[in-house]
Amino acid sequence: MKAIHIIAFILLVIGGLNWLLVAFGWNLVEAIFGNGTVLSQIIYILVGLSAILLIFTHKKDCRACSSGM
């Protein structure tokens, strides 16, 4: 489960950084994989699924949340 958590975290960071770039008018995912391609759609789906996974598993995996901080 640790590997899945790490992959989900990395995908979530990639998604967050992409949103930052979109705010400045540049979409990194579409620049690399093309606009509206199946591969870019898969990337977006994986980022979204990663966010859902981390929503439900964050408290259990997060040291700061488990220690009561």
Protein backbone atom coordinates (compact mmCIF):
# COMPACT_ATOMS: atom_id res chain seq x y z
CA MET A 1 0.00 0.00 0.00
CA LYS A 2 2.96 2.34 0.57
CA ALA A 3 3.90 2.22 -3.13
CA ILE A 4 0.34 3.12 -4.15
CA HIS A 5 0.37 6.01 -1.67
CA ILE A 6 3.66 7.33 -3.08
CA ILE A 7 2.43 7.05 -6.67
CA ALA A 8 -0.84 8.77 -5.76
CA PHE A 9 1.05 11.55 -3.99
CA ILE A 10 3.34 12.11 -6.99
CA LEU A 11 0.37 12.20 -9.38
CA LEU A 12 -1.40 14.64 -7.11
CA VAL A 13 1.64 16.92 -7.05
CA ILE A 14 1.87 16.73 -10.85
CA GLY A 15 -1.82 17.63 -11.09
CA GLY A 16 -1.41 20.55 -8.69
CA LEU A 17 1.59 21.91 -10.57
CA ASN A 18 -0.28 21.54 -13.85
CA TRP A 19 -3.17 23.59 -12.42
CA LEU A 20 -0.67 26.28 -11.40
CA LEU A 21 0.65 26.38 -14.94
CA VAL A 22 -2.89 26.43 -16.37
CA ALA A 23 -3.51 29.58 -14.30
CA PHE A 24 -0.73 31.19 -16.34
CA GLY A 25 -2.10 29.88 -19.64
CA TRP A 26 0.07 26.79 -20.17
CA ASN A 27 -1.11 23.20 -19.75
CA LEU A 28 1.87 20.89 -19.26
CA VAL A 29 -0.08 17.66 -19.75
CA GLU A 30 -1.50 18.83 -23.07
CA ALA A 31 1.88 20.22 -24.13
CA ILE A 32 3.49 16.82 -23.60
CA PHE A 33 0.71 14.42 -24.63
CA GLY A 34 -1.46 16.56 -26.93
CA ASN A 35 -4.81 18.25 -26.55
CA GLY A 36 -7.70 15.83 -26.06
CA THR A 37 -5.66 12.68 -26.65
CA VAL A 38 -6.48 9.42 -24.92
CA LEU A 39 -3.15 9.54 -23.09
CA SER A 40 -3.82 13.01 -21.66
CA GLN A 41 -7.28 11.83 -20.60
CA ILE A 42 -5.71 8.85 -18.82
CA ILE A 43 -3.33 11.20 -16.98
CA TYR A 44 -6.26 13.35 -15.82
CA ILE A 45 -8.18 10.25 -14.68
CA LEU A 46 -5.16 8.93 -12.75
CA VAL A 47 -4.66 12.31 -11.05
CA GLY A 48 -8.34 12.42 -10.08
CA LEU A 49 -8.30 8.85 -8.75
CA SER A 50 -5.14 9.69 -6.79
CA ALA A 51 -6.92 12.61 -5.16
CA ILE A 52 -9.85 10.38 -4.21
CA LEU A 53 -7.51 7.73 -2.79
CA LEU A 54 -5.60 10.27 -0.71
CA ILE A 55 -8.82 11.82 0.60
CA PHE A 56 -9.79 8.48 2.11
CA THR A 57 -6.35 7.29 3.24
CA HIS A 58 -4.64 10.52 4.25
CA LYS A 59 -5.41 10.47 7.97
CA LYS A 60 -4.14 6.90 8.32
CA ASP A 61 -0.91 7.57 6.35
CA CYS A 62 -0.08 11.10 7.51
CA ARG A 63 2.27 11.31 10.49
CA ALA A 64 1.09 14.79 11.47
CA CYS A 65 -2.58 13.78 11.37
CA SER A 66 -2.02 10.54 13.31
CA SER A 67 -0.02 12.22 16.04
CA GLY A 68 -2.88 14.62 16.77
CA MET A 69 -1.10 17.80 15.71
